[in-house]
Amino acid sequence: MQTGYVCEECNNYVYDEDEEGYVCVQDMDEDDFYRVMSNKYRECPYYRSGDEYKIVRHQM
């Protein structure tokens, strides 16, 4: 079982043409970046679901 969120499903994970790959565009300081990359967070505090219909399904 995987804990936390998957970056590939996050709205902050976008394609960067200069880097020619996907990157996280969330503005965070070095301490937060270290915590996220070293798995000190169980879930990314900056995660935003890319599922536009999640709220609608929840209301049904």
PDB file of N, CA and C in Angstrom:
ATOM      1  N   MET A   1       0.839  -1.186   0.000  1.00  0.00           N
ATOM      2  CA  MET A   1       0.000   0.000   0.000  1.00  0.00           C
ATOM      3  C   MET A   1       0.882   1.247   0.000  1.00  0.00           C
ATOM      4  N   GLN A   2       0.553   2.173  -0.840  1.00  0.00           N
ATOM      5  CA  GLN A   2       1.335   3.399  -0.949  1.00  0.00           C
ATOM      6  C   GLN A   2       0.712   4.487  -0.098  1.00  0.00           C
ATOM      7  N   THR A   3       1.537   5.171   0.683  1.00  0.00           N
ATOM      8  CA  THR A   3       1.034   6.286   1.479  1.00  0.00           C
ATOM      9  C   THR A   3       1.313   7.584   0.747  1.00  0.00           C
ATOM     10  N   GLY A   4       0.558   8.600   1.060  1.00  0.00           N
ATOM     11  CA  GLY A   4       0.777   9.904   0.457  1.00  0.00           C
ATOM     12  C   GLY A   4       0.136  10.021  -0.910  1.00  0.00           C
ATOM     13  N   TYR A   5       0.497  11.067  -1.584  1.00  0.00           N
ATOM     14  CA  TYR A   5      -0.067  11.352  -2.892  1.00  0.00           C
ATOM     15  C   TYR A   5       0.952  11.080  -3.976  1.00  0.00           C
ATOM     16  N   VAL A   6       0.483  10.884  -5.173  1.00  0.00           N
ATOM     17  CA  VAL A   6       1.345  10.619  -6.316  1.00  0.00           C
ATOM     18  C   VAL A   6       1.538  11.932  -7.080  1.00  0.00           C
ATOM     19  N   CYS A   7       2.786  12.333  -7.272  1.00  0.00           N
ATOM     20  CA  CYS A   7       3.077  13.611  -7.945  1.00  0.00           C
ATOM     21  C   CYS A   7       2.437  13.695  -9.325  1.00  0.00           C
ATOM     22  N   GLU A   8       2.420  12.601 -10.049  1.00  0.00           N
ATOM     23  CA  GLU A   8       1.887  12.603 -11.409  1.00  0.00           C
ATOM     24  C   GLU A   8       0.407  12.957 -11.461  1.00  0.00           C
ATOM     25  N   GLU A   9      -0.293  12.872 -10.344  1.00  0.00           N
ATOM     26  CA  GLU A   9      -1.717  13.201 -10.301  1.00  0.00           C
ATOM     27  C   GLU A   9      -1.975  14.609  -9.771  1.00  0.00           C
ATOM     28  N   CYS A  10      -0.938  15.361  -9.477  1.00  0.00           N
ATOM     29  CA  CYS A  10      -1.054  16.680  -8.850  1.00  0.00           C
ATOM     30  C   CYS A  10      -1.086  17.793  -9.900  1.00  0.00           C
ATOM     31  N   ASN A  11      -1.892  18.822  -9.643  1.00  0.00           N
ATOM     32  CA  ASN A  11      -1.948  19.979 -10.543  1.00  0.00           C
ATOM     33  C   ASN A  11      -0.649  20.777 -10.540  1.00  0.00           C
ATOM     34  N   ASN A  12       0.174  20.633  -9.510  1.00  0.00           N
ATOM     35  CA  ASN A  12       1.451  21.353  -9.444  1.00  0.00           C
ATOM     36  C   ASN A  12       2.540  20.680 -10.267  1.00  0.00           C
ATOM     37  N   TYR A  13       2.275  19.510 -10.800  1.00  0.00           N
ATOM     38  CA  TYR A  13       3.260  18.736 -11.563  1.00  0.00           C
ATOM     39  C   TYR A  13       2.984  18.975 -13.040  1.00  0.00           C
ATOM     40  N   VAL A  14       3.773  19.851 -13.671  1.00  0.00           N
ATOM     41  CA  VAL A  14       3.508  20.263 -15.051  1.00  0.00           C
ATOM     42  C   VAL A  14       4.744  20.063 -15.925  1.00  0.00           C
ATOM     43  N   TYR A  15       4.514  20.016 -17.223  1.00  0.00           N
ATOM     44  CA  TYR A  15       5.609  19.844 -18.178  1.00  0.00           C
ATOM     45  C   TYR A  15       6.344  21.168 -18.361  1.00  0.00           C
ATOM     46  N   ASP A  16       7.651  21.125 -18.236  1.00  0.00           N
ATOM     47  CA  ASP A  16       8.498  22.302 -18.429  1.00  0.00           C
ATOM     48  C   ASP A  16       9.292  22.105 -19.719  1.00  0.00           C
ATOM     49  N   GLU A  17       9.025  22.956 -20.708  1.00  0.00           N
ATOM     50  CA  GLU A  17       9.696  22.816 -22.000  1.00  0.00           C
ATOM     51  C   GLU A  17      11.197  23.045 -21.901  1.00  0.00           C
ATOM     52  N   ASP A  18      11.634  23.957 -21.025  1.00  0.00           N
ATOM     53  CA  ASP A  18      13.063  24.210 -20.863  1.00  0.00           C
ATOM     54  C   ASP A  18      13.787  22.998 -20.279  1.00  0.00           C
ATOM     55  N   GLU A  19      13.169  22.341 -19.324  1.00  0.00           N
ATOM     56  CA  GLU A  19      13.751  21.147 -18.688  1.00  0.00           C
ATOM     57  C   GLU A  19      13.471  19.879 -19.489  1.00  0.00           C
ATOM     58  N   GLU A  20      12.514  19.979 -20.433  1.00  0.00           N
ATOM     59  CA  GLU A  20      12.077  18.854 -21.247  1.00  0.00           C
ATOM     60  C   GLU A  20      11.624  17.683 -20.385  1.00  0.00           C
ATOM     61  N   GLY A  21      10.837  18.021 -19.376  1.00  0.00           N
ATOM     62  CA  GLY A  21      10.298  17.001 -18.488  1.00  0.00           C
ATOM     63  C   GLY A  21       9.317  17.620 -17.509  1.00  0.00           C
ATOM     64  N   TYR A  22       8.735  16.788 -16.678  1.00  0.00           N
ATOM     65  CA  TYR A  22       7.755  17.254 -15.700  1.00  0.00           C
ATOM     66  C   TYR A  22       8.451  17.699 -14.421  1.00  0.00           C
ATOM     67  N   VAL A  23       7.976  18.806 -13.854  1.00  0.00           N
ATOM     68  CA  VAL A  23       8.529  19.353 -12.615  1.00  0.00           C
ATOM     69  C   VAL A  23       7.391  19.836 -11.716  1.00  0.00           C
ATOM     70  N   CYS A  24       7.691  19.932 -10.439  1.00  0.00           N
ATOM     71  CA  CYS A  24       6.743  20.497  -9.493  1.00  0.00           C
ATOM     72  C   CYS A  24       6.928  22.012  -9.494  1.00  0.00           C
ATOM     73  N   VAL A  25       5.844  22.744  -9.722  1.00  0.00           N
ATOM     74  CA  VAL A  25       5.930  24.202  -9.809  1.00  0.00           C
ATOM     75  C   VAL A  25       5.548  24.885  -8.498  1.00  0.00           C
ATOM     76  N   GLN A  26       5.336  24.103  -7.443  1.00  0.00           N
ATOM     77  CA  GLN A  26       4.981  24.679  -6.144  1.00  0.00           C
ATOM     78  C   GLN A  26       6.180  25.441  -5.590  1.00  0.00           C
ATOM     79  N   ASP A  27       5.951  26.676  -5.189  1.00  0.00           N
ATOM     80  CA  ASP A  27       7.008  27.488  -4.593  1.00  0.00           C
ATOM     81  C   ASP A  27       7.160  27.083  -3.131  1.00  0.00           C
ATOM     82  N   MET A  28       8.323  26.508  -2.795  1.00  0.00           N
ATOM     83  CA  MET A  28       8.568  26.090  -1.415  1.00  0.00           C
ATOM     84  C   MET A  28      10.008  26.403  -1.054  1.00  0.00           C
ATOM     85  N   ASP A  29      10.260  26.568   0.237  1.00  0.00           N
ATOM     86  CA  ASP A  29      11.627  26.856   0.666  1.00  0.00           C
ATOM     87  C   ASP A  29      12.448  25.564   0.710  1.00  0.00           C
ATOM     88  N   GLU A  30      13.748  25.699   0.959  1.00  0.00           N
ATOM     89  CA  GLU A  30      14.647  24.545   0.936  1.00  0.00           C
ATOM     90  C   GLU A  30      14.285  23.496   1.985  1.00  0.00           C
ATOM     91  N   ASP A  31      13.843  23.943   3.161  1.00  0.00           N
ATOM     92  CA  ASP A  31      13.482  23.003   4.223  1.00  0.00           C
ATOM     93  C   ASP A  31      12.285  22.144   3.815  1.00  0.00           C
ATOM     94  N   ASP A  32      11.254  22.785   3.265  1.00  0.00           N
ATOM     95  CA  ASP A  32      10.087  22.030   2.817  1.00  0.00           C
ATOM     96  C   ASP A  32      10.448  21.091   1.673  1.00  0.00           C
ATOM     97  N   PHE A  33      11.265  21.548   0.749  1.00  0.00           N
ATOM     98  CA  PHE A  33      11.689  20.705  -0.373  1.00  0.00           C
ATOM     99  C   PHE A  33      12.407  19.464   0.153  1.00  0.00           C
ATOM    100  N   TYR A  34      13.300  19.651   1.121  1.00  0.00           N
ATOM    101  CA  TYR A  34      14.018  18.517   1.713  1.00  0.00           C
ATOM    102  C   TYR A  34      13.048  17.538   2.376  1.00  0.00           C
ATOM    103  N   ARG A  35      12.091  18.062   3.132  1.00  0.00           N
ATOM    104  CA  ARG A  35      11.129  17.190   3.815  1.00  0.00           C
ATOM    105  C   ARG A  35      10.294  16.379   2.820  1.00  0.00           C
ATOM    106  N   VAL A  36       9.853  17.025   1.750  1.00  0.00           N
ATOM    107  CA  VAL A  36       9.049  16.330   0.747  1.00  0.00           C
ATOM    108  C   VAL A  36       9.889  15.257   0.044  1.00  0.00           C
ATOM    109  N   MET A  37      11.110  15.607  -0.349  1.00  0.00           N
ATOM    110  CA  MET A  37      11.957  14.670  -1.082  1.00  0.00           C
ATOM    111  C   MET A  37      12.495  13.539  -0.212  1.00  0.00           C
ATOM    112  N   SER A  38      12.613  13.761   1.083  1.00  0.00           N
ATOM    113  CA  SER A  38      13.167  12.722   1.964  1.00  0.00           C
ATOM    114  C   SER A  38      12.069  11.909   2.649  1.00  0.00           C
ATOM    115  N   ASN A  39      10.832  12.094   2.199  1.00  0.00           N
ATOM    116  CA  ASN A  39       9.682  11.355   2.737  1.00  0.00           C
ATOM    117  C   ASN A  39       9.439  11.613   4.222  1.00  0.00           C
ATOM    118  N   LYS A  40       9.787  12.793   4.705  1.00  0.00           N
ATOM    119  CA  LYS A  40       9.498  13.143   6.095  1.00  0.00           C
ATOM    120  C   LYS A  40       8.019  13.479   6.275  1.00  0.00           C
ATOM    121  N   TYR A  41       7.353  13.844   5.162  1.00  0.00           N
ATOM    122  CA  TYR A  41       5.911  14.048   5.188  1.00  0.00           C
ATOM    123  C   TYR A  41       5.255  12.734   4.763  1.00  0.00           C
ATOM    124  N   ARG A  42       4.194  12.347   5.425  1.00  0.00           N
ATOM    125  CA  ARG A  42       3.446  11.173   4.952  1.00  0.00           C
ATOM    126  C   ARG A  42       2.707  11.525   3.675  1.00  0.00           C
ATOM    127  N   GLU A  43       2.233  12.765   3.587  1.00  0.00           N
ATOM    128  CA  GLU A  43       1.539  13.253   2.398  1.00  0.00           C
ATOM    129  C   GLU A  43       2.085  14.631   2.066  1.00  0.00           C
ATOM    130  N   CYS A  44       2.188  14.925   0.811  1.00  0.00           N
ATOM    131  CA  CYS A  44       2.693  16.227   0.392  1.00  0.00           C
ATOM    132  C   CYS A  44       1.710  17.319   0.805  1.00  0.00           C
ATOM    133  N   PRO A  45       2.185  18.329   1.538  1.00  0.00           N
ATOM    134  CA  PRO A  45       1.283  19.390   1.986  1.00  0.00           C
ATOM    135  C   PRO A  45       0.832  20.317   0.854  1.00  0.00           C
ATOM    136  N   TYR A  46       1.456  20.207  -0.302  1.00  0.00           N
ATOM    137  CA  TYR A  46       1.129  21.078  -1.434  1.00  0.00           C
ATOM    138  C   TYR A  46       0.307  20.371  -2.501  1.00  0.00           C
ATOM    139  N   TYR A  47      -0.059  19.127  -2.252  1.00  0.00           N
ATOM    140  CA  TYR A  47      -0.786  18.344  -3.246  1.00  0.00           C
ATOM    141  C   TYR A  47      -2.133  18.977  -3.571  1.00  0.00           C
ATOM    142  N   ARG A  48      -2.403  19.106  -4.875  1.00  0.00           N
ATOM    143  CA  ARG A  48      -3.721  19.551  -5.362  1.00  0.00           C
ATOM    144  C   ARG A  48      -4.179  18.539  -6.393  1.00  0.00           C
ATOM    145  N   SER A  49      -5.305  17.942  -6.150  1.00  0.00           N
ATOM    146  CA  SER A  49      -5.813  16.895  -7.032  1.00  0.00           C
ATOM    147  C   SER A  49      -6.039  17.429  -8.443  1.00  0.00           C
ATOM    148  N   GLY A  50      -5.643  16.635  -9.416  1.00  0.00           N
ATOM    149  CA  GLY A  50      -5.906  16.971 -10.808  1.00  0.00           C
ATOM    150  C   GLY A  50      -7.263  16.485 -11.265  1.00  0.00           C
ATOM    151  N   ASP A  51      -8.004  15.847 -10.356  1.00  0.00           N
ATOM    152  CA  ASP A  51      -9.324  15.308 -10.662  1.00  0.00           C
ATOM    153  C   ASP A  51     -10.378  16.392 -10.460  1.00  0.00           C
ATOM    154  N   GLU A  52     -10.834  16.988 -11.544  1.00  0.00           N
ATOM    155  CA  GLU A  52     -11.791  18.085 -11.475  1.00  0.00           C
ATOM    156  C   GLU A  52     -13.160  17.650 -10.967  1.00  0.00           C
ATOM    157  N   TYR A  53     -13.477  16.364 -11.063  1.00  0.00           N
ATOM    158  CA  TYR A  53     -14.799  15.881 -10.694  1.00  0.00           C
ATOM    159  C   TYR A  53     -14.845  15.250  -9.303  1.00  0.00           C
ATOM    160  N   LYS A  54     -13.741  15.310  -8.567  1.00  0.00           N
ATOM    161  CA  LYS A  54     -13.676  14.694  -7.247  1.00  0.00           C
ATOM    162  C   LYS A  54     -14.746  15.259  -6.295  1.00  0.00           C
ATOM    163  N   ILE A  55     -14.910  16.568  -6.279  1.00  0.00           N
ATOM    164  CA  ILE A  55     -15.890  17.199  -5.404  1.00  0.00           C
ATOM    165  C   ILE A  55     -17.307  16.820  -5.808  1.00  0.00           C
ATOM    166  N   VAL A  56     -17.552  16.779  -7.107  1.00  0.00           N
ATOM    167  CA  VAL A  56     -18.881  16.429  -7.605  1.00  0.00           C
ATOM    168  C   VAL A  56     -19.245  15.009  -7.189  1.00  0.00           C
ATOM    169  N   ARG A  57     -18.312  14.070  -7.343  1.00  0.00           N
ATOM    170  CA  ARG A  57     -18.582  12.691  -6.941  1.00  0.00           C
ATOM    171  C   ARG A  57     -18.814  12.589  -5.451  1.00  0.00           C
ATOM    172  N   HIS A  58     -18.111  13.403  -4.676  1.00  0.00           N
ATOM    173  CA  HIS A  58     -18.269  13.398  -3.217  1.00  0.00           C
ATOM    174  C   HIS A  58     -19.655  13.888  -2.816  1.00  0.00           C
ATOM    175  N   GLN A  59     -20.211  14.836  -3.573  1.00  0.00           N
ATOM    176  CA  GLN A  59     -21.520  15.401  -3.256  1.00  0.00           C
ATOM    177  C   GLN A  59     -22.669  14.474  -3.627  1.00  0.00           C
ATOM    178  N   MET A  60     -22.402  13.502  -4.463  1.00  0.00           N
ATOM    179  CA  MET A  60     -23.475  12.592  -4.940  1.00  0.00           C
ATOM    180  C   MET A  60     -23.855  11.596  -3.871  1.00  0.00           C
TER     181      MET A  60
END
